Amino acid sequence: MRKNYPRFTLRVSPTTLEKLAYIAEYHGRTKNKEIEFILKKQIMEFERLYGIIETDNDDLD
């Protein structure tokens, strides 16, 4: 089932987008899923170092 996530516009250089597409394809993901993966990994690392960030919506699904 599809979740109703908010949309977020991201501006990046064409080179960055092309490299992201390459990495995403290598991992068998869409560019969107690759960005989600990278963000979740960074959040987990930040929280490991500095503690859990409390939010109203605590799901990293």
Protein backbone atom coordinates (compact mmCIF):
# COMPACT_ATOMS: atom_id res chain seq x y z
CA MET A 1 0.00 0.00 0.00
CA ARG A 2 1.25 3.45 -0.89
CA LYS A 3 1.81 5.90 1.97
CA ASN A 4 0.85 9.54 1.66
CA TYR A 5 4.27 11.10 2.19
CA PRO A 6 4.80 14.84 1.75
CA ARG A 7 6.64 15.92 -1.39
CA PHE A 8 9.97 17.71 -1.20
CA THR A 9 11.65 19.51 -4.08
CA LEU A 10 15.42 19.16 -4.28
CA ARG A 11 17.64 21.21 -6.57
CA VAL A 12 20.94 19.60 -7.57
CA SER A 13 23.42 20.03 -10.37
CA PRO A 14 23.01 17.87 -13.47
CA THR A 15 26.31 16.14 -12.65
CA THR A 16 25.14 15.24 -9.15
CA LEU A 17 21.85 13.93 -10.51
CA GLU A 18 23.63 11.85 -13.14
CA LYS A 19 25.94 10.35 -10.52
CA LEU A 20 22.99 9.67 -8.22
CA ALA A 21 21.22 7.87 -11.06
CA TYR A 22 24.32 5.73 -11.63
CA ILE A 23 24.57 4.78 -7.95
CA ALA A 24 20.84 4.11 -7.67
CA GLU A 25 20.89 1.84 -10.73
CA TYR A 26 23.93 0.02 -9.35
CA HIS A 27 21.98 -0.70 -6.15
CA GLY A 28 18.78 -1.56 -8.02
CA ARG A 29 16.88 1.41 -6.62
CA THR A 30 15.12 4.44 -8.01
CA LYS A 31 16.79 7.81 -7.47
CA ASN A 32 14.12 8.61 -4.89
CA LYS A 33 14.75 5.38 -2.95
CA GLU A 34 18.51 5.97 -3.11
CA ILE A 35 18.06 9.45 -1.61
CA GLU A 36 15.80 7.99 1.10
CA PHE A 37 18.43 5.34 1.87
CA ILE A 38 21.21 7.94 2.12
CA LEU A 39 19.10 10.22 4.33
CA LYS A 40 18.07 7.40 6.69
CA LYS A 41 21.68 6.25 6.98
CA GLN A 42 22.81 9.80 7.81
CA ILE A 43 20.02 10.24 10.38
CA MET A 44 20.90 6.95 12.07
CA GLU A 45 24.59 7.94 12.23
CA PHE A 46 23.73 11.38 13.63
CA GLU A 47 21.46 9.85 16.29
CA ARG A 48 24.12 7.28 17.18
CA LEU A 49 26.56 10.10 17.88
CA TYR A 50 24.26 12.73 19.39
CA GLY A 51 21.13 10.96 20.59
CA ILE A 52 17.67 10.30 19.26
CA ILE A 53 15.86 13.18 17.59
CA GLU A 54 12.32 13.25 18.95
CA THR A 55 9.56 13.98 16.41
CA ASP A 56 5.80 13.68 16.21
CA ASN A 57 6.20 11.05 13.46
CA ASP A 58 8.86 8.62 14.66
CA ASP A 59 9.02 6.22 11.72
CA LEU A 60 11.98 5.75 9.43
CA ASP A 61 10.11 3.40 7.10
